């Protein structure tokens, strides 16, 4: 059984998760700052942060945070809300349904699949090491698209 954490210890562990999200996002090809902002808005108990609070929490320049926030909003990962009488914007994670999440994954796979298929078609030597690798990648994309479609049919039929 896990020992009871103090409020300070729990908050520290949440902040460690924010940093881990930054590293993981960076390893996946995104920016660590994008991951840290997503982690901040997801993992801490506070669910809405002003721009200034994000700057204070992450200790990053305003311009870097502004650029990253704009990108995260454009890619539909975060949103902001406002409240009457308060001129500030409060950023929060955008909640998507499982169906929306899977649709986004499927679209991403389809884009990668199209890119790789075109690259393979343009390869002069279809038996080259890289051409064979692309062929294997395409098989993987087909597998994952099929898995997503099976999951949708079995588990998401009742979701909006």
N, C-alpha and C. Protein backbone atom coordinates (compact mmCIF):
# COMPACT_ATOMS: atom_id res chain seq x y z
N UNK A 1 0.84 -1.18 0.00
CA UNK A 1 0.00 0.00 0.00
C UNK A 1 0.89 1.25 0.00
N UNK A 2 0.53 2.21 -0.83
CA UNK A 2 1.32 3.44 -0.95
C UNK A 2 1.02 4.36 0.23
N UNK A 3 2.12 4.95 0.76
CA UNK A 3 1.93 5.84 1.90
C UNK A 3 1.25 7.13 1.45
N UNK A 4 0.55 7.75 2.36
CA UNK A 4 -0.18 8.98 2.07
C UNK A 4 0.82 10.12 1.85
N UNK A 5 0.63 10.83 0.73
CA UNK A 5 1.51 11.96 0.41
C UNK A 5 0.97 13.22 1.04
N UNK A 6 1.88 14.10 1.42
CA UNK A 6 1.45 15.42 1.87
C UNK A 6 1.02 16.20 0.63
N UNK A 7 0.34 17.29 0.82
CA UNK A 7 -0.09 18.14 -0.29
C UNK A 7 1.12 18.61 -1.10
N UNK A 8 2.19 18.99 -0.42
CA UNK A 8 3.41 19.45 -1.09
C UNK A 8 4.05 18.32 -1.91
N UNK A 9 4.10 17.12 -1.36
CA UNK A 9 4.67 15.98 -2.08
C UNK A 9 3.83 15.63 -3.31
N UNK A 10 2.52 15.66 -3.16
CA UNK A 10 1.62 15.34 -4.26
C UNK A 10 1.79 16.37 -5.39
N UNK A 11 1.85 17.64 -5.04
CA UNK A 11 2.03 18.70 -6.03
C UNK A 11 3.39 18.55 -6.71
N UNK A 12 4.42 18.21 -5.95
CA UNK A 12 5.75 18.00 -6.53
C UNK A 12 5.73 16.85 -7.54
N UNK A 13 5.04 15.78 -7.19
CA UNK A 13 4.93 14.63 -8.11
C UNK A 13 4.17 15.02 -9.37
N UNK A 14 3.14 15.85 -9.23
CA UNK A 14 2.41 16.33 -10.41
C UNK A 14 3.34 17.15 -11.31
N UNK A 15 4.16 18.00 -10.71
CA UNK A 15 5.10 18.81 -11.49
C UNK A 15 6.15 17.93 -12.18
N UNK A 16 6.54 16.85 -11.54
CA UNK A 16 7.46 15.90 -12.17
C UNK A 16 6.81 15.25 -13.39
N UNK A 17 5.51 14.99 -13.30
CA UNK A 17 4.78 14.44 -14.45
C UNK A 17 4.74 15.45 -15.59
N UNK A 18 4.61 16.73 -15.27
CA UNK A 18 4.63 17.79 -16.29
C UNK A 18 5.96 17.74 -17.05
N UNK A 19 7.05 17.63 -16.32
CA UNK A 19 8.38 17.56 -16.95
C UNK A 19 8.53 16.28 -17.77
N UNK A 20 8.00 15.17 -17.24
CA UNK A 20 8.06 13.90 -17.98
C UNK A 20 7.27 14.00 -19.28
N UNK A 21 6.14 14.69 -19.25
CA UNK A 21 5.33 14.88 -20.46
C UNK A 21 6.12 15.69 -21.49
N UNK A 22 6.87 16.67 -21.03
CA UNK A 22 7.71 17.45 -21.94
C UNK A 22 8.76 16.58 -22.62
N UNK A 23 9.41 15.73 -21.84
CA UNK A 23 10.43 14.84 -22.41
C UNK A 23 9.80 13.85 -23.39
N UNK A 24 8.67 13.29 -23.02
CA UNK A 24 8.00 12.31 -23.87
C UNK A 24 7.53 12.94 -25.18
N UNK A 25 6.98 14.14 -25.10
CA UNK A 25 6.54 14.84 -26.30
C UNK A 25 7.73 15.13 -27.20
N UNK A 26 8.84 15.52 -26.62
CA UNK A 26 10.05 15.78 -27.39
C UNK A 26 10.55 14.51 -28.08
N UNK A 27 10.52 13.40 -27.39
CA UNK A 27 10.94 12.13 -27.98
C UNK A 27 10.02 11.72 -29.13
N UNK A 28 8.75 12.15 -29.06
CA UNK A 28 7.80 11.83 -30.11
C UNK A 28 7.83 12.79 -31.28
N UNK A 29 8.73 13.77 -31.25
CA UNK A 29 8.87 14.69 -32.36
C UNK A 29 8.28 16.06 -32.13
N UNK A 30 7.60 16.25 -31.02
CA UNK A 30 7.05 17.57 -30.69
C UNK A 30 8.05 18.36 -29.86
N UNK A 31 7.65 19.52 -29.45
CA UNK A 31 8.55 20.31 -28.61
C UNK A 31 8.30 19.97 -27.14
N UNK A 32 9.36 20.04 -26.37
CA UNK A 32 9.19 19.75 -24.95
C UNK A 32 8.29 20.80 -24.30
N UNK A 33 8.33 22.04 -24.79
CA UNK A 33 7.47 23.07 -24.21
C UNK A 33 6.00 22.76 -24.45
N UNK A 34 5.67 22.29 -25.64
CA UNK A 34 4.28 21.90 -25.91
C UNK A 34 3.84 20.81 -24.94
N UNK A 35 4.70 19.83 -24.73
CA UNK A 35 4.39 18.76 -23.79
C UNK A 35 4.24 19.26 -22.37
N UNK A 36 5.10 20.19 -21.99
CA UNK A 36 5.03 20.73 -20.63
C UNK A 36 3.74 21.52 -20.44
N UNK A 37 3.33 22.29 -21.44
CA UNK A 37 2.07 23.04 -21.32
C UNK A 37 0.90 22.08 -21.25
N UNK A 38 0.89 21.06 -22.10
CA UNK A 38 -0.19 20.06 -22.04
C UNK A 38 -0.20 19.36 -20.69
N UNK A 39 0.97 19.04 -20.18
CA UNK A 39 1.06 18.40 -18.87
C UNK A 39 0.56 19.32 -17.76
N UNK A 40 0.95 20.58 -17.83
CA UNK A 40 0.51 21.55 -16.83
C UNK A 40 -1.01 21.64 -16.78
N UNK A 41 -1.62 21.71 -17.96
CA UNK A 41 -3.07 21.87 -18.03
C UNK A 41 -3.82 20.57 -17.73
N UNK A 42 -3.13 19.44 -17.81
CA UNK A 42 -3.77 18.14 -17.58
C UNK A 42 -3.51 17.57 -16.20
N UNK A 43 -2.28 17.69 -15.72
CA UNK A 43 -1.86 16.91 -14.56
C UNK A 43 -2.00 17.64 -13.23
N UNK A 44 -1.95 18.96 -13.24
CA UNK A 44 -2.11 19.69 -11.99
C UNK A 44 -3.59 19.77 -11.62
N UNK A 45 -3.87 19.95 -10.35
CA UNK A 45 -5.27 20.03 -9.92
C UNK A 45 -5.96 21.26 -10.49
N UNK A 46 -5.23 22.35 -10.62
CA UNK A 46 -5.78 23.56 -11.21
C UNK A 46 -5.96 23.29 -12.70
N UNK A 47 -7.13 23.53 -13.24
CA UNK A 47 -7.42 23.13 -14.61
C UNK A 47 -7.38 24.28 -15.60
N UNK A 48 -7.33 25.50 -15.14
CA UNK A 48 -7.28 26.65 -16.03
C UNK A 48 -6.16 27.58 -15.55
N UNK A 49 -5.34 28.02 -16.49
CA UNK A 49 -4.22 28.89 -16.18
C UNK A 49 -4.24 30.11 -17.09
N UNK A 50 -3.95 31.28 -16.53
CA UNK A 50 -3.76 32.46 -17.37
C UNK A 50 -2.39 32.34 -18.04
N UNK A 51 -2.18 33.18 -19.03
CA UNK A 51 -0.89 33.22 -19.72
C UNK A 51 0.23 33.47 -18.71
N UNK A 52 0.02 34.44 -17.84
CA UNK A 52 1.05 34.79 -16.85
C UNK A 52 1.34 33.63 -15.90
N UNK A 53 0.30 32.89 -15.53
CA UNK A 53 0.50 31.74 -14.64
C UNK A 53 1.31 30.64 -15.34
N UNK A 54 1.07 30.46 -16.62
CA UNK A 54 1.85 29.46 -17.38
C UNK A 54 3.31 29.89 -17.43
N UNK A 55 3.55 31.17 -17.70
CA UNK A 55 4.92 31.70 -17.71
C UNK A 55 5.58 31.47 -16.35
N UNK A 56 4.88 31.81 -15.27
CA UNK A 56 5.43 31.65 -13.92
C UNK A 56 5.71 30.19 -13.58
N UNK A 57 4.80 29.30 -13.94
CA UNK A 57 4.96 27.88 -13.62
C UNK A 57 6.12 27.26 -14.37
N UNK A 58 6.24 27.57 -15.67
CA UNK A 58 7.22 26.89 -16.50
C UNK A 58 8.56 27.61 -16.62
N UNK A 59 8.58 28.88 -16.18
CA UNK A 59 9.83 29.66 -16.20
C UNK A 59 10.45 29.69 -17.61
N UNK A 60 9.62 30.00 -18.59
CA UNK A 60 10.03 30.08 -19.99
C UNK A 60 9.65 31.47 -20.50
N UNK A 61 10.32 31.94 -21.53
CA UNK A 61 10.05 33.27 -22.06
C UNK A 61 8.62 33.40 -22.57
N UNK A 62 8.10 34.61 -22.46
CA UNK A 62 6.73 34.88 -22.91
C UNK A 62 6.57 34.59 -24.39
N UNK A 63 7.56 34.93 -25.19
CA UNK A 63 7.43 34.72 -26.64
C UNK A 63 7.37 33.23 -26.97
N UNK A 64 8.17 32.41 -26.31
CA UNK A 64 8.15 30.97 -26.56
C UNK A 64 6.81 30.37 -26.14
N UNK A 65 6.31 30.80 -25.01
CA UNK A 65 5.03 30.28 -24.54
C UNK A 65 3.90 30.75 -25.45
N UNK A 66 3.94 31.98 -25.87
CA UNK A 66 2.91 32.51 -26.77
C UNK A 66 2.86 31.72 -28.07
N UNK A 67 4.02 31.50 -28.67
CA UNK A 67 4.10 30.73 -29.91
C UNK A 67 3.55 29.33 -29.72
N UNK A 68 3.93 28.69 -28.64
CA UNK A 68 3.50 27.31 -28.39
C UNK A 68 2.02 27.24 -28.08
N UNK A 69 1.50 28.18 -27.31
CA UNK A 69 0.07 28.21 -27.02
C UNK A 69 -0.72 28.37 -28.31
N UNK A 70 -0.28 29.27 -29.18
CA UNK A 70 -0.97 29.45 -30.46
C UNK A 70 -0.98 28.16 -31.27
N UNK A 71 0.15 27.47 -31.30
CA UNK A 71 0.22 26.19 -32.02
C UNK A 71 -0.72 25.15 -31.40
N UNK A 72 -0.75 25.07 -30.08
CA UNK A 72 -1.61 24.09 -29.41
C UNK A 72 -3.09 24.41 -29.65
N UNK A 73 -3.43 25.69 -29.75
CA UNK A 73 -4.82 26.04 -30.07
C UNK A 73 -5.14 25.71 -31.53
N UNK A 74 -4.21 26.00 -32.43
CA UNK A 74 -4.42 25.69 -33.85
C UNK A 74 -4.58 24.19 -34.08
N UNK A 75 -3.89 23.39 -33.30
CA UNK A 75 -3.97 21.94 -33.46
C UNK A 75 -5.05 21.33 -32.57
N UNK A 76 -5.89 22.17 -32.00
CA UNK A 76 -7.07 21.73 -31.25
C UNK A 76 -6.74 20.94 -29.98
N UNK A 77 -5.61 21.24 -29.37
CA UNK A 77 -5.23 20.54 -28.15
C UNK A 77 -5.61 21.32 -26.89
N UNK A 78 -5.61 22.64 -27.00
CA UNK A 78 -6.04 23.47 -25.88
C UNK A 78 -7.03 24.51 -26.37
N UNK A 79 -7.70 25.12 -25.43
CA UNK A 79 -8.65 26.19 -25.73
C UNK A 79 -8.57 27.21 -24.60
N UNK A 80 -9.26 28.32 -24.79
CA UNK A 80 -9.32 29.27 -23.68
C UNK A 80 -10.77 29.65 -23.44
N UNK A 81 -11.01 30.07 -22.21
CA UNK A 81 -12.31 30.58 -21.81
C UNK A 81 -12.10 31.95 -21.19
N UNK A 82 -13.15 32.74 -21.20
CA UNK A 82 -13.13 34.05 -20.53
C UNK A 82 -14.32 34.09 -19.60
N UNK A 83 -14.24 35.01 -18.65
CA UNK A 83 -15.31 35.16 -17.68
C UNK A 83 -15.76 36.61 -17.64
N UNK A 84 -17.07 36.85 -17.46
CA UNK A 84 -17.58 38.23 -17.42
C UNK A 84 -16.85 39.06 -16.37
N UNK A 85 -16.44 40.25 -16.76
CA UNK A 85 -15.77 41.16 -15.85
C UNK A 85 -14.28 40.90 -15.70
N UNK A 86 -13.76 39.89 -16.38
CA UNK A 86 -12.34 39.54 -16.29
C UNK A 86 -11.79 39.54 -17.71
N UNK A 87 -10.79 40.37 -17.96
CA UNK A 87 -10.25 40.50 -19.31
C UNK A 87 -9.25 39.40 -19.66
N UNK A 88 -8.88 38.59 -18.71
CA UNK A 88 -7.87 37.55 -18.95
C UNK A 88 -8.48 36.35 -19.67
N UNK A 89 -7.60 35.67 -20.42
CA UNK A 89 -7.96 34.39 -21.03
C UNK A 89 -7.43 33.29 -20.13
N UNK A 90 -8.24 32.27 -19.92
CA UNK A 90 -7.86 31.13 -19.10
C UNK A 90 -7.73 29.91 -20.02
N UNK A 91 -6.52 29.40 -20.10
CA UNK A 91 -6.23 28.28 -20.99
C UNK A 91 -6.51 26.97 -20.27
N UNK A 92 -7.03 26.02 -21.02
CA UNK A 92 -7.31 24.71 -20.47
C UNK A 92 -7.16 23.67 -21.57
N UNK A 93 -7.01 22.43 -21.14
CA UNK A 93 -6.88 21.33 -22.08
C UNK A 93 -8.22 21.17 -22.79
N UNK A 94 -8.20 20.87 -24.06
CA UNK A 94 -9.44 20.64 -24.78
C UNK A 94 -9.81 19.18 -24.60
N UNK A 95 -11.00 18.95 -24.14
CA UNK A 95 -11.47 17.59 -23.89
C UNK A 95 -12.09 17.06 -25.18
N UNK A 96 -11.57 15.93 -25.63
CA UNK A 96 -12.12 15.27 -26.81
C UNK A 96 -12.71 13.93 -26.41
N UNK A 97 -13.70 13.51 -27.13
CA UNK A 97 -14.27 12.19 -26.88
C UNK A 97 -13.29 11.13 -27.40
N UNK A 98 -13.50 9.91 -26.99
CA UNK A 98 -12.67 8.82 -27.49
C UNK A 98 -12.78 8.74 -29.00
N UNK A 99 -13.97 8.97 -29.52
CA UNK A 99 -14.18 8.89 -30.97
C UNK A 99 -13.37 9.99 -31.68
N UNK A 100 -13.38 11.19 -31.15
CA UNK A 100 -12.60 12.28 -31.74
C UNK A 100 -11.10 11.96 -31.70
N UNK A 101 -10.66 11.39 -30.58
CA UNK A 101 -9.26 11.03 -30.43
C UNK A 101 -8.87 9.98 -31.47
N UNK A 102 -9.69 8.95 -31.62
CA UNK A 102 -9.38 7.90 -32.59
C UNK A 102 -9.43 8.43 -34.02
N UNK A 103 -10.38 9.31 -34.29
CA UNK A 103 -10.46 9.89 -35.62
C UNK A 103 -9.20 10.69 -35.93
N UNK A 104 -8.71 11.44 -34.98
CA UNK A 104 -7.47 12.20 -35.17
C UNK A 104 -6.29 11.26 -35.41
N UNK A 105 -6.23 10.17 -34.65
CA UNK A 105 -5.16 9.19 -34.85
C UNK A 105 -5.25 8.57 -36.24
N UNK A 106 -6.46 8.21 -36.65
CA UNK A 106 -6.64 7.60 -37.96
C UNK A 106 -6.26 8.57 -39.07
N UNK A 107 -6.65 9.82 -38.95
CA UNK A 107 -6.26 10.83 -39.95
C UNK A 107 -4.75 10.99 -40.03
N UNK A 108 -4.10 10.99 -38.87
CA UNK A 108 -2.65 11.13 -38.85
C UNK A 108 -1.99 9.93 -39.54
N UNK A 109 -2.47 8.74 -39.23
CA UNK A 109 -1.93 7.53 -39.87
C UNK A 109 -2.16 7.59 -41.37
N UNK A 110 -3.33 8.04 -41.80
CA UNK A 110 -3.62 8.13 -43.23
C UNK A 110 -2.71 9.11 -43.94
N UNK A 111 -2.40 10.23 -43.29
CA UNK A 111 -1.47 11.20 -43.89
C UNK A 111 -0.07 10.60 -44.01
N UNK A 112 0.39 9.93 -42.95
CA UNK A 112 1.69 9.28 -43.00
C UNK A 112 1.72 8.17 -44.04
N UNK A 113 0.62 7.44 -44.13
CA UNK A 113 0.51 6.36 -45.11
C UNK A 113 0.62 6.92 -46.53
N UNK A 114 -0.09 8.00 -46.81
CA UNK A 114 -0.05 8.61 -48.14
C UNK A 114 1.37 9.10 -48.47
N UNK A 115 2.00 9.74 -47.52
CA UNK A 115 3.36 10.23 -47.71
C UNK A 115 4.32 9.08 -48.03
N UNK A 116 4.24 8.02 -47.25
CA UNK A 116 5.12 6.87 -47.46
C UNK A 116 4.80 6.13 -48.76
N UNK A 117 3.53 6.02 -49.11
CA UNK A 117 3.14 5.36 -50.36
C UNK A 117 3.70 6.13 -51.56
N UNK A 118 3.58 7.46 -51.51
CA UNK A 118 4.13 8.29 -52.59
C UNK A 118 5.64 8.14 -52.67
N UNK A 119 6.31 8.14 -51.51
CA UNK A 119 7.77 7.96 -51.49
C UNK A 119 8.16 6.62 -52.10
N UNK A 120 7.40 5.59 -51.78
CA UNK A 120 7.70 4.25 -52.32
C UNK A 120 7.50 4.22 -53.83
N UNK A 121 6.44 4.87 -54.30
CA UNK A 121 6.18 4.92 -55.75
C UNK A 121 7.32 5.62 -56.48
N UNK A 122 7.95 6.59 -55.86
CA UNK A 122 9.01 7.35 -56.49
C UNK A 122 10.39 6.67 -56.40
N UNK A 123 10.49 5.64 -55.58
CA UNK A 123 11.76 4.92 -55.44
C UNK A 123 12.09 4.22 -56.76
N UNK A 124 13.29 4.43 -57.23
CA UNK A 124 13.75 3.78 -58.45
C UNK A 124 13.93 2.28 -58.22
N UNK A 125 14.59 1.93 -57.12
CA UNK A 125 14.84 0.53 -56.79
C UNK A 125 13.86 0.10 -55.70
N UNK A 126 12.82 -0.60 -56.11
CA UNK A 126 11.77 -1.03 -55.17
C UNK A 126 12.28 -2.11 -54.19
N UNK A 127 13.47 -2.66 -54.47
CA UNK A 127 14.05 -3.68 -53.60
C UNK A 127 15.16 -3.13 -52.72
N UNK A 128 15.34 -1.81 -52.74
CA UNK A 128 16.37 -1.22 -51.89
C UNK A 128 15.99 -1.40 -50.42
N UNK A 129 16.97 -1.25 -49.57
CA UNK A 129 16.75 -1.40 -48.13
C UNK A 129 15.68 -0.42 -47.64
N UNK A 130 15.76 0.85 -48.06
CA UNK A 130 14.79 1.83 -47.59
C UNK A 130 13.40 1.60 -48.20
N UNK A 131 13.35 1.12 -49.45
CA UNK A 131 12.06 0.83 -50.06
C UNK A 131 11.37 -0.32 -49.32
N UNK A 132 12.13 -1.33 -48.96
CA UNK A 132 11.57 -2.45 -48.19
C UNK A 132 11.09 -1.97 -46.82
N UNK A 133 11.85 -1.07 -46.21
CA UNK A 133 11.46 -0.52 -44.92
C UNK A 133 10.13 0.23 -45.04
N UNK A 134 10.00 1.04 -46.08
CA UNK A 134 8.74 1.77 -46.29
C UNK A 134 7.59 0.79 -46.47
N UNK A 135 7.83 -0.30 -47.19
CA UNK A 135 6.80 -1.33 -47.36
C UNK A 135 6.35 -1.91 -46.03
N UNK A 136 7.30 -2.14 -45.14
CA UNK A 136 6.96 -2.66 -43.80
C UNK A 136 6.19 -1.61 -42.99
N UNK A 137 6.60 -0.37 -43.13
CA UNK A 137 5.88 0.71 -42.43
C UNK A 137 4.44 0.78 -42.92
N UNK A 138 4.24 0.63 -44.22
CA UNK A 138 2.88 0.66 -44.78
C UNK A 138 2.03 -0.50 -44.24
N UNK A 139 2.65 -1.66 -44.06
CA UNK A 139 1.92 -2.79 -43.46
C UNK A 139 1.50 -2.44 -42.03
N UNK A 140 2.39 -1.78 -41.31
CA UNK A 140 2.07 -1.37 -39.94
C UNK A 140 0.92 -0.38 -39.90
N UNK A 141 0.92 0.58 -40.83
CA UNK A 141 -0.19 1.55 -40.89
C UNK A 141 -1.51 0.83 -41.16
N UNK A 142 -1.50 -0.13 -42.08
CA UNK A 142 -2.72 -0.88 -42.38
C UNK A 142 -3.22 -1.63 -41.15
N UNK A 143 -2.28 -2.22 -40.42
CA UNK A 143 -2.64 -2.93 -39.19
C UNK A 143 -3.30 -1.99 -38.18
N UNK A 144 -2.69 -0.83 -37.93
CA UNK A 144 -3.21 0.08 -36.92
C UNK A 144 -4.54 0.70 -37.34
N UNK A 145 -4.70 0.99 -38.62
CA UNK A 145 -6.01 1.50 -39.08
C UNK A 145 -7.09 0.46 -38.85
N UNK A 146 -6.77 -0.80 -39.12
CA UNK A 146 -7.73 -1.88 -38.89
C UNK A 146 -8.07 -2.01 -37.41
N UNK A 147 -7.06 -1.88 -36.55
CA UNK A 147 -7.29 -1.95 -35.10
C UNK A 147 -8.21 -0.82 -34.64
N UNK A 148 -7.97 0.37 -35.14
CA UNK A 148 -8.80 1.52 -34.78
C UNK A 148 -10.24 1.29 -35.24
N UNK A 149 -10.41 0.83 -36.46
CA UNK A 149 -11.76 0.58 -36.97
C UNK A 149 -12.48 -0.50 -36.18
N UNK A 150 -11.76 -1.56 -35.80
CA UNK A 150 -12.36 -2.62 -34.97
C UNK A 150 -12.78 -2.07 -33.61
N UNK A 151 -11.92 -1.26 -33.02
CA UNK A 151 -12.22 -0.66 -31.72
C UNK A 151 -13.45 0.24 -31.82
N UNK A 152 -13.51 1.02 -32.89
CA UNK A 152 -14.67 1.91 -33.08
C UNK A 152 -15.96 1.11 -33.14
N UNK A 153 -15.96 0.03 -33.92
CA UNK A 153 -17.16 -0.79 -34.08
C UNK A 153 -17.58 -1.45 -32.78
N UNK A 154 -16.60 -1.95 -32.04
CA UNK A 154 -16.90 -2.71 -30.84
C UNK A 154 -17.22 -1.85 -29.62
N UNK A 155 -16.47 -0.77 -29.43
CA UNK A 155 -16.57 -0.03 -28.18
C UNK A 155 -17.18 1.36 -28.29
N UNK A 156 -17.25 1.91 -29.48
CA UNK A 156 -17.68 3.30 -29.58
C UNK A 156 -19.02 3.48 -30.29
N UNK A 157 -19.71 2.42 -30.52
CA UNK A 157 -20.97 2.51 -31.25
C UNK A 157 -21.98 3.42 -30.54
N UNK A 158 -21.92 3.46 -29.22
CA UNK A 158 -22.89 4.24 -28.45
C UNK A 158 -22.42 5.66 -28.14
N UNK A 159 -21.18 6.01 -28.51
CA UNK A 159 -20.67 7.35 -28.20
C UNK A 159 -21.05 8.34 -29.29
N UNK A 160 -21.31 9.55 -28.90
CA UNK A 160 -21.69 10.60 -29.83
C UNK A 160 -20.53 10.94 -30.73
